[in-house]
Amino acid sequence: MSRSSRIDFWRSYFRSFLVQAGWNYERMIALGFLWAILPLTEKLYPRSEERISLIKRHLGSFNSNPYLAGYAIGAIARLEEERKSSEEIVSFKQALMGPLGALGDSLVWVRFRPALGLLGIILTLRFGVLGSIVFFVVYNIFQFHFRYMALDKGYSLGFGLAGYLSGRGYPQLIGFFGMIGAILFGFFFIFCLNGLASFDKIGELLFFLVAFTFCIWGLKKNLNPGLVFLITLFVVVGLSLLSNLAAK
């Protein structure tokens, strides 16, 4: 970093965890964004007039997935450091809202957290409280690392962040966690259904394949994950009841 120190970076990093603390319907996370970016910009504008201009510039409406907000914080801090015009900075910041919201929601809320939650449930069914511990530890390792990486990458790229976000990396990562979630979804139903009926190995494999196939189809069709969950539940439970009736 040329003007900001590592201490400034870490101050912004820890502030980024509270980026939604000042959320409101009018400006969304603008207050949290401004508070997080101040440590990286305070040395750039020592005069009060310049500082007031900076604050006004970043109080406009802004929103992002909280885990990806670090990209915007770092990139905008870099543009401020390079003394880009206010129009360029505000325009670029607004352009980041859509990608940071869509990519973050698809990755974290729709793919990663549900997949990790299913893993925690499965481990809890097998090993008790260990499942909750695994969920807590892995989720926080992910968010601590991801927030750091986003802030660092945004600061290093500046305007180049747009090309980075539009690359193939995120779609591949989203697809990967979607696949992992679908696999865990299949195992989850096997554990649940074994409480309703006893299955041999072939029966477990068939039920797993039904759940897995439908989850993959739902992901490709961009269906609501909650809808996929409910439909899969009804289908697999229905097949379980039919198998029990046939056995009798």
C-alpha atoms as a PDB file:
ATOM      1  CA  MET A   1       0.000   0.000   0.000  1.00  0.00           C
ATOM      2  CA  SER A   2       1.370   3.407  -0.907  1.00  0.00           C
ATOM      3  CA  ARG A   3      -0.346   5.759   1.530  1.00  0.00           C
ATOM      4  CA  SER A   4      -2.428   3.516   3.746  1.00  0.00           C
ATOM      5  CA  SER A   5      -0.576   1.378   6.264  1.00  0.00           C
ATOM      6  CA  ARG A   6      -1.252  -2.210   7.235  1.00  0.00           C
ATOM      7  CA  ILE A   7      -2.793  -0.914  10.437  1.00  0.00           C
ATOM      8  CA  ASP A   8      -5.258   1.118   8.353  1.00  0.00           C
ATOM      9  CA  PHE A   9      -6.018  -1.987   6.309  1.00  0.00           C
ATOM     10  CA  TRP A  10      -6.751  -4.068   9.411  1.00  0.00           C
ATOM     11  CA  ARG A  11      -8.927  -1.320  10.860  1.00  0.00           C
ATOM     12  CA  SER A  12     -11.034  -1.302   7.698  1.00  0.00           C
ATOM     13  CA  TYR A  13     -11.072  -5.104   7.676  1.00  0.00           C
ATOM     14  CA  PHE A  14     -12.541  -5.399  11.174  1.00  0.00           C
ATOM     15  CA  ARG A  15     -14.983  -2.569  10.510  1.00  0.00           C
ATOM     16  CA  SER A  16     -16.236  -4.433   7.434  1.00  0.00           C
ATOM     17  CA  PHE A  17     -17.805  -7.044   9.758  1.00  0.00           C
ATOM     18  CA  LEU A  18     -20.285  -4.349  10.864  1.00  0.00           C
ATOM     19  CA  VAL A  19     -21.024  -2.993   7.407  1.00  0.00           C
ATOM     20  CA  GLN A  20     -24.756  -3.672   7.895  1.00  0.00           C
ATOM     21  CA  ALA A  21     -24.950  -2.134  11.368  1.00  0.00           C
ATOM     22  CA  GLY A  22     -26.360   1.134  10.016  1.00  0.00           C
ATOM     23  CA  TRP A  23     -28.623  -0.485   7.407  1.00  0.00           C
ATOM     24  CA  ASN A  24     -31.735   1.493   6.495  1.00  0.00           C
ATOM     25  CA  TYR A  25     -34.273   1.498   3.670  1.00  0.00           C
ATOM     26  CA  GLU A  26     -33.152   4.840   2.265  1.00  0.00           C
ATOM     27  CA  ARG A  27     -29.401   4.276   1.916  1.00  0.00           C
ATOM     28  CA  MET A  28     -29.026   0.586   2.820  1.00  0.00           C
ATOM     29  CA  ILE A  29     -25.387  -0.096   3.853  1.00  0.00           C
ATOM     30  CA  ALA A  30     -24.047   3.361   2.949  1.00  0.00           C
ATOM     31  CA  LEU A  31     -23.280   4.258   6.592  1.00  0.00           C
ATOM     32  CA  GLY A  32     -21.455   0.986   7.204  1.00  0.00           C
ATOM     33  CA  PHE A  33     -19.532   1.348   3.951  1.00  0.00           C
ATOM     34  CA  LEU A  34     -18.424   4.885   4.864  1.00  0.00           C
ATOM     35  CA  TRP A  35     -17.353   3.858   8.365  1.00  0.00           C
ATOM     36  CA  ALA A  36     -15.342   0.932   6.966  1.00  0.00           C
ATOM     37  CA  ILE A  37     -13.563   2.963   4.278  1.00  0.00           C
ATOM     38  CA  LEU A  38     -12.528   5.869   6.522  1.00  0.00           C
ATOM     39  CA  PRO A  39      -9.326   4.263   7.908  1.00  0.00           C
ATOM     40  CA  LEU A  40      -8.042   3.747   4.340  1.00  0.00           C
ATOM     41  CA  THR A  41      -8.808   7.316   3.291  1.00  0.00           C
ATOM     42  CA  GLU A  42      -8.264   9.528   6.336  1.00  0.00           C
ATOM     43  CA  LYS A  43      -4.616  10.226   5.445  1.00  0.00           C
ATOM     44  CA  LEU A  44      -5.607  11.265   1.914  1.00  0.00           C
ATOM     45  CA  TYR A  45      -7.753  14.177   3.035  1.00  0.00           C
ATOM     46  CA  PRO A  46      -6.191  15.886   6.055  1.00  0.00           C
ATOM     47  CA  ARG A  47      -8.188  19.088   5.623  1.00  0.00           C
ATOM     48  CA  SER A  48     -11.695  19.190   7.062  1.00  0.00           C
ATOM     49  CA  GLU A  49     -13.218  20.484   3.811  1.00  0.00           C
ATOM     50  CA  GLU A  50     -11.840  17.511   1.861  1.00  0.00           C
ATOM     51  CA  ARG A  51     -12.975  15.100   4.568  1.00  0.00           C
ATOM     52  CA  ILE A  52     -16.496  16.512   4.481  1.00  0.00           C
ATOM     53  CA  SER A  53     -16.555  16.132   0.681  1.00  0.00           C
ATOM     54  CA  LEU A  54     -15.477  12.491   1.030  1.00  0.00           C
ATOM     55  CA  ILE A  55     -18.219  11.791   3.577  1.00  0.00           C
ATOM     56  CA  LYS A  56     -20.903  13.380   1.415  1.00  0.00           C
ATOM     57  CA  ARG A  57     -19.677  11.445  -1.629  1.00  0.00           C
ATOM     58  CA  HIS A  58     -20.120   8.108   0.117  1.00  0.00           C
ATOM     59  CA  LEU A  59     -23.383   8.740   1.903  1.00  0.00           C
ATOM     60  CA  GLY A  60     -25.347   8.011  -1.254  1.00  0.00           C
ATOM     61  CA  SER A  61     -27.400   4.835  -1.453  1.00  0.00           C
ATOM     62  CA  PHE A  62     -25.269   1.694  -1.718  1.00  0.00           C
ATOM     63  CA  ASN A  63     -25.896  -1.984  -1.193  1.00  0.00           C
ATOM     64  CA  SER A  64     -23.948  -5.233  -1.463  1.00  0.00           C
ATOM     65  CA  ASN A  65     -23.819  -8.692  -0.017  1.00  0.00           C
ATOM     66  CA  PRO A  66     -22.003  -8.099   3.317  1.00  0.00           C
ATOM     67  CA  TYR A  67     -19.367 -10.740   2.566  1.00  0.00           C
ATOM     68  CA  LEU A  68     -18.459  -9.131  -0.761  1.00  0.00           C
ATOM     69  CA  ALA A  69     -18.643  -5.527   0.445  1.00  0.00           C
ATOM     70  CA  GLY A  70     -14.881  -5.634   1.040  1.00  0.00           C
ATOM     71  CA  TYR A  71     -14.359  -5.630  -2.726  1.00  0.00           C
ATOM     72  CA  ALA A  72     -16.087  -2.260  -3.001  1.00  0.00           C
ATOM     73  CA  ILE A  73     -14.393  -0.859   0.104  1.00  0.00           C
ATOM     74  CA  GLY A  74     -10.922  -1.756  -1.180  1.00  0.00           C
ATOM     75  CA  ALA A  75     -11.523  -0.718  -4.795  1.00  0.00           C
ATOM     76  CA  ILE A  76     -13.055   2.648  -3.905  1.00  0.00           C
ATOM     77  CA  ALA A  77     -10.259   3.344  -1.411  1.00  0.00           C
ATOM     78  CA  ARG A  78      -7.782   2.685  -4.222  1.00  0.00           C
ATOM     79  CA  LEU A  79      -9.604   5.103  -6.548  1.00  0.00           C
ATOM     80  CA  GLU A  80      -9.655   7.737  -3.817  1.00  0.00           C
ATOM     81  CA  GLU A  81      -5.925   7.255  -3.393  1.00  0.00           C
ATOM     82  CA  GLU A  82      -5.388   7.667  -7.126  1.00  0.00           C
ATOM     83  CA  ARG A  83      -7.372  10.915  -6.951  1.00  0.00           C
ATOM     84  CA  LYS A  84      -9.991   9.885  -9.485  1.00  0.00           C
ATOM     85  CA  SER A  85     -12.817  12.342 -10.006  1.00  0.00           C
ATOM     86  CA  SER A  86     -15.913  12.198  -7.815  1.00  0.00           C
ATOM     87  CA  GLU A  87     -18.033  11.320 -10.843  1.00  0.00           C
ATOM     88  CA  GLU A  88     -15.826   8.338 -11.737  1.00  0.00           C
ATOM     89  CA  ILE A  89     -15.764   7.070  -8.160  1.00  0.00           C
ATOM     90  CA  VAL A  90     -19.508   7.348  -7.573  1.00  0.00           C
ATOM     91  CA  SER A  91     -20.317   5.862 -10.982  1.00  0.00           C
ATOM     92  CA  PHE A  92     -18.031   2.867 -10.413  1.00  0.00           C
ATOM     93  CA  LYS A  93     -19.368   2.346  -6.903  1.00  0.00           C
ATOM     94  CA  GLN A  94     -22.948   2.275  -8.181  1.00  0.00           C
ATOM     95  CA  ALA A  95     -21.977  -0.138 -10.953  1.00  0.00           C
ATOM     96  CA  LEU A  96     -20.618  -2.569  -8.349  1.00  0.00           C
ATOM     97  CA  MET A  97     -23.919  -2.911  -6.508  1.00  0.00           C
ATOM     98  CA  GLY A  98     -25.551  -5.381  -8.887  1.00  0.00           C
ATOM     99  CA  PRO A  99     -22.624  -7.822  -9.255  1.00  0.00           C
ATOM    100  CA  LEU A 100     -21.683  -7.750  -5.559  1.00  0.00           C
ATOM    101  CA  GLY A 101     -25.294  -8.384  -4.546  1.00  0.00           C
ATOM    102  CA  ALA A 102     -26.064 -11.117  -7.079  1.00  0.00           C
ATOM    103  CA  LEU A 103     -22.760 -12.994  -6.777  1.00  0.00           C
ATOM    104  CA  GLY A 104     -22.738 -12.782  -2.998  1.00  0.00           C
ATOM    105  CA  ASP A 105     -26.312 -13.962  -2.586  1.00  0.00           C
ATOM    106  CA  SER A 106     -25.832 -16.856  -5.016  1.00  0.00           C
ATOM    107  CA  LEU A 107     -22.572 -17.945  -3.408  1.00  0.00           C
ATOM    108  CA  VAL A 108     -23.221 -17.455   0.308  1.00  0.00           C
ATOM    109  CA  TRP A 109     -26.970 -17.536   0.961  1.00  0.00           C
ATOM    110  CA  VAL A 110     -28.063 -19.967  -1.775  1.00  0.00           C
ATOM    111  CA  ARG A 111     -25.054 -22.311  -2.053  1.00  0.00           C
ATOM    112  CA  PHE A 112     -22.399 -22.238   0.679  1.00  0.00           C
ATOM    113  CA  ARG A 113     -24.410 -21.725   3.857  1.00  0.00           C
ATOM    114  CA  PRO A 114     -27.175 -24.261   3.022  1.00  0.00           C
ATOM    115  CA  ALA A 115     -24.535 -26.841   2.023  1.00  0.00           C
ATOM    116  CA  LEU A 116     -22.585 -26.292   5.231  1.00  0.00           C
ATOM    117  CA  GLY A 117     -25.813 -26.368   7.239  1.00  0.00           C
ATOM    118  CA  LEU A 118     -26.701 -29.759   5.762  1.00  0.00           C
ATOM    119  CA  LEU A 119     -23.229 -31.032   6.640  1.00  0.00           C
ATOM    120  CA  GLY A 120     -23.712 -29.807  10.199  1.00  0.00           C
ATOM    121  CA  ILE A 121     -27.106 -31.537  10.439  1.00  0.00           C
ATOM    122  CA  ILE A 122     -25.743 -34.820   9.080  1.00  0.00           C
ATOM    123  CA  LEU A 123     -22.796 -34.742  11.497  1.00  0.00           C
ATOM    124  CA  THR A 124     -25.165 -33.897  14.350  1.00  0.00           C
ATOM    125  CA  LEU A 125     -27.334 -36.938  13.535  1.00  0.00           C
ATOM    126  CA  ARG A 126     -24.225 -39.116  13.644  1.00  0.00           C
ATOM    127  CA  PHE A 127     -21.979 -37.479  16.244  1.00  0.00           C
ATOM    128  CA  GLY A 128     -24.163 -35.142  18.302  1.00  0.00           C
ATOM    129  CA  VAL A 129     -22.864 -31.682  19.180  1.00  0.00           C
ATOM    130  CA  LEU A 130     -19.848 -32.131  16.881  1.00  0.00           C
ATOM    131  CA  GLY A 131     -22.036 -31.109  13.939  1.00  0.00           C
ATOM    132  CA  SER A 132     -22.747 -27.682  15.470  1.00  0.00           C
ATOM    133  CA  ILE A 133     -19.062 -27.173  16.259  1.00  0.00           C
ATOM    134  CA  VAL A 134     -18.030 -28.049  12.698  1.00  0.00           C
ATOM    135  CA  PHE A 135     -20.609 -25.656  11.255  1.00  0.00           C
ATOM    136  CA  PHE A 136     -19.507 -22.809  13.543  1.00  0.00           C
ATOM    137  CA  VAL A 137     -15.769 -23.294  12.931  1.00  0.00           C
ATOM    138  CA  VAL A 138     -15.911 -23.831   9.150  1.00  0.00           C
ATOM    139  CA  TYR A 139     -18.386 -20.994   8.557  1.00  0.00           C
ATOM    140  CA  ASN A 140     -16.270 -18.497  10.459  1.00  0.00           C
ATOM    141  CA  ILE A 141     -13.025 -19.623   8.823  1.00  0.00           C
ATOM    142  CA  PHE A 142     -14.749 -19.018   5.488  1.00  0.00           C
ATOM    143  CA  GLN A 143     -16.046 -15.564   6.374  1.00  0.00           C
ATOM    144  CA  PHE A 144     -12.823 -14.339   8.025  1.00  0.00           C
ATOM    145  CA  HIS A 145     -10.758 -15.424   5.030  1.00  0.00           C
ATOM    146  CA  PHE A 146     -13.278 -14.279   2.427  1.00  0.00           C
ATOM    147  CA  ARG A 147     -13.685 -10.788   3.884  1.00  0.00           C
ATOM    148  CA  TYR A 148      -9.903 -10.362   4.024  1.00  0.00           C
ATOM    149  CA  MET A 149      -9.451 -11.620   0.470  1.00  0.00           C
ATOM    150  CA  ALA A 150     -12.215  -9.338  -0.850  1.00  0.00           C
ATOM    151  CA  LEU A 151     -10.771  -6.214   0.759  1.00  0.00           C
ATOM    152  CA  ASP A 152      -7.219  -7.002  -0.339  1.00  0.00           C
ATOM    153  CA  LYS A 153      -8.248  -7.920  -3.900  1.00  0.00           C
ATOM    154  CA  GLY A 154     -10.436  -4.840  -4.275  1.00  0.00           C
ATOM    155  CA  TYR A 155      -7.669  -2.544  -3.098  1.00  0.00           C
ATOM    156  CA  SER A 156      -5.104  -4.090  -5.427  1.00  0.00           C
ATOM    157  CA  LEU A 157      -7.359  -3.992  -8.513  1.00  0.00           C
ATOM    158  CA  GLY A 158      -9.222  -0.691  -8.359  1.00  0.00           C
ATOM    159  CA  PHE A 159     -11.057  -0.304 -11.681  1.00  0.00           C
ATOM    160  CA  GLY A 160      -9.785  -3.784 -12.606  1.00  0.00           C
ATOM    161  CA  LEU A 161     -12.225  -5.279 -10.117  1.00  0.00           C
ATOM    162  CA  ALA A 162     -14.985  -5.166 -12.752  1.00  0.00           C
ATOM    163  CA  GLY A 163     -13.084  -7.569 -15.006  1.00  0.00           C
ATOM    164  CA  TYR A 164     -12.236  -9.823 -12.079  1.00  0.00           C
ATOM    165  CA  LEU A 165     -15.870 -10.182 -10.995  1.00  0.00           C
ATOM    166  CA  SER A 166     -17.024 -10.877 -14.559  1.00  0.00           C
ATOM    167  CA  GLY A 167     -14.522 -13.714 -15.011  1.00  0.00           C
ATOM    168  CA  ARG A 168     -15.194 -17.434 -14.767  1.00  0.00           C
ATOM    169  CA  GLY A 169     -14.021 -17.846 -11.183  1.00  0.00           C
ATOM    170  CA  TYR A 170     -17.257 -17.028  -9.401  1.00  0.00           C
ATOM    171  CA  PRO A 171     -19.624 -19.020 -11.645  1.00  0.00           C
ATOM    172  CA  GLN A 172     -17.363 -22.054 -11.178  1.00  0.00           C
ATOM    173  CA  LEU A 173     -17.247 -21.553  -7.410  1.00  0.00           C
ATOM    174  CA  ILE A 174     -21.031 -21.149  -7.228  1.00  0.00           C
ATOM    175  CA  GLY A 175     -21.485 -24.303  -9.319  1.00  0.00           C
ATOM    176  CA  PHE A 176     -19.066 -26.222  -7.084  1.00  0.00           C
ATOM    177  CA  PHE A 177     -20.904 -25.380  -3.859  1.00  0.00           C
ATOM    178  CA  GLY A 178     -24.203 -26.097  -5.586  1.00  0.00           C
ATOM    179  CA  MET A 179     -22.964 -29.585  -6.462  1.00  0.00           C
ATOM    180  CA  ILE A 180     -21.681 -30.177  -2.923  1.00  0.00           C
ATOM    181  CA  GLY A 181     -25.016 -29.013  -1.517  1.00  0.00           C
ATOM    182  CA  ALA A 182     -26.927 -31.360  -3.804  1.00  0.00           C
ATOM    183  CA  ILE A 183     -24.789 -34.314  -2.717  1.00  0.00           C
ATOM    184  CA  LEU A 184     -25.245 -33.476   0.972  1.00  0.00           C
ATOM    185  CA  PHE A 185     -28.975 -32.998   0.338  1.00  0.00           C
ATOM    186  CA  GLY A 186     -29.186 -36.594  -0.865  1.00  0.00           C
ATOM    187  CA  PHE A 187     -27.369 -37.905   2.206  1.00  0.00           C
ATOM    188  CA  PHE A 188     -29.570 -35.767   4.438  1.00  0.00           C
ATOM    189  CA  PHE A 189     -32.731 -37.443   3.160  1.00  0.00           C
ATOM    190  CA  ILE A 190     -31.232 -40.874   3.618  1.00  0.00           C
ATOM    191  CA  PHE A 191     -30.644 -40.090   7.291  1.00  0.00           C
ATOM    192  CA  CYS A 192     -34.142 -38.646   7.709  1.00  0.00           C
ATOM    193  CA  LEU A 193     -35.929 -41.452   5.921  1.00  0.00           C
ATOM    194  CA  ASN A 194     -34.111 -44.137   7.854  1.00  0.00           C
ATOM    195  CA  GLY A 195     -36.141 -42.842  10.797  1.00  0.00           C
ATOM    196  CA  LEU A 196     -39.340 -43.692   8.908  1.00  0.00           C
ATOM    197  CA  ALA A 197     -38.343 -46.999   7.379  1.00  0.00           C
ATOM    198  CA  SER A 198     -35.380 -49.334   7.119  1.00  0.00           C
ATOM    199  CA  PHE A 199     -33.690 -49.494   3.718  1.00  0.00           C
ATOM    200  CA  ASP A 200     -31.147 -51.868   2.328  1.00  0.00           C
ATOM    201  CA  LYS A 201     -28.088 -50.509   0.499  1.00  0.00           C
ATOM    202  CA  ILE A 202     -29.852 -50.510  -2.873  1.00  0.00           C
ATOM    203  CA  GLY A 203     -32.826 -48.610  -1.436  1.00  0.00           C
ATOM    204  CA  GLU A 204     -30.549 -45.974   0.129  1.00  0.00           C
ATOM    205  CA  LEU A 205     -28.724 -45.563  -3.174  1.00  0.00           C
ATOM    206  CA  LEU A 206     -31.983 -45.100  -5.094  1.00  0.00           C
ATOM    207  CA  PHE A 207     -33.303 -42.494  -2.668  1.00  0.00           C
ATOM    208  CA  PHE A 208     -29.977 -40.664  -2.767  1.00  0.00           C
ATOM    209  CA  LEU A 209     -30.013 -40.609  -6.577  1.00  0.00           C
ATOM    210  CA  VAL A 210     -33.585 -39.247  -6.632  1.00  0.00           C
ATOM    211  CA  ALA A 211     -32.718 -36.392  -4.274  1.00  0.00           C
ATOM    212  CA  PHE A 212     -29.376 -35.656  -5.956  1.00  0.00           C
ATOM    213  CA  THR A 213     -30.805 -35.650  -9.492  1.00  0.00           C
ATOM    214  CA  PHE A 214     -33.659 -33.343  -8.614  1.00  0.00           C
ATOM    215  CA  CYS A 215     -31.356 -30.921  -6.779  1.00  0.00           C
ATOM    216  CA  ILE A 216     -29.020 -30.684  -9.769  1.00  0.00           C
ATOM    217  CA  TRP A 217     -31.992 -30.115 -12.080  1.00  0.00           C
ATOM    218  CA  GLY A 218     -33.322 -27.400  -9.776  1.00  0.00           C
ATOM    219  CA  LEU A 219     -29.952 -25.646  -9.665  1.00  0.00           C
ATOM    220  CA  LYS A 220     -29.684 -25.640 -13.456  1.00  0.00           C
ATOM    221  CA  LYS A 221     -33.220 -24.235 -13.767  1.00  0.00           C
ATOM    222  CA  ASN A 222     -32.460 -21.571 -11.118  1.00  0.00           C
ATOM    223  CA  LEU A 223     -35.406 -22.665  -9.004  1.00  0.00           C
ATOM    224  CA  ASN A 224     -35.899 -21.266  -5.529  1.00  0.00           C
ATOM    225  CA  PRO A 225     -33.851 -23.462  -3.126  1.00  0.00           C
ATOM    226  CA  GLY A 226     -36.750 -23.587  -0.646  1.00  0.00           C
ATOM    227  CA  LEU A 227     -39.042 -24.867  -3.404  1.00  0.00           C
ATOM    228  CA  VAL A 228     -36.474 -27.502  -4.401  1.00  0.00           C
ATOM    229  CA  PHE A 229     -36.231 -28.585  -0.768  1.00  0.00           C
ATOM    230  CA  LEU A 230     -40.001 -28.965  -0.333  1.00  0.00           C
ATOM    231  CA  ILE A 231     -40.569 -30.778  -3.631  1.00  0.00           C
ATOM    232  CA  THR A 232     -37.699 -33.172  -2.941  1.00  0.00           C
ATOM    233  CA  LEU A 233     -39.066 -33.785   0.537  1.00  0.00           C
ATOM    234  CA  PHE A 234     -42.546 -34.668  -0.752  1.00  0.00           C
ATOM    235  CA  VAL A 235     -41.186 -36.849  -3.576  1.00  0.00           C
ATOM    236  CA  VAL A 236     -38.803 -38.849  -1.419  1.00  0.00           C
ATOM    237  CA  VAL A 237     -41.230 -39.233   1.496  1.00  0.00           C
ATOM    238  CA  GLY A 238     -43.913 -40.281  -0.991  1.00  0.00           C
ATOM    239  CA  LEU A 239     -41.623 -42.940  -2.447  1.00  0.00           C
ATOM    240  CA  SER A 240     -40.816 -44.098   1.075  1.00  0.00           C
ATOM    241  CA  LEU A 241     -44.488 -44.532   1.963  1.00  0.00           C
ATOM    242  CA  LEU A 242     -45.177 -46.361  -1.305  1.00  0.00           C
ATOM    243  CA  SER A 243     -42.291 -48.742  -0.637  1.00  0.00           C
ATOM    244  CA  ASN A 244     -43.636 -49.460   2.847  1.00  0.00           C
ATOM    245  CA  LEU A 245     -47.128 -50.149   1.454  1.00  0.00           C
ATOM    246  CA  ALA A 246     -45.711 -52.439  -1.210  1.00  0.00           C
ATOM    247  CA  ALA A 247     -43.720 -54.344   1.404  1.00  0.00           C
ATOM    248  CA  LYS A 248     -46.893 -54.985   3.406  1.00  0.00           C
END
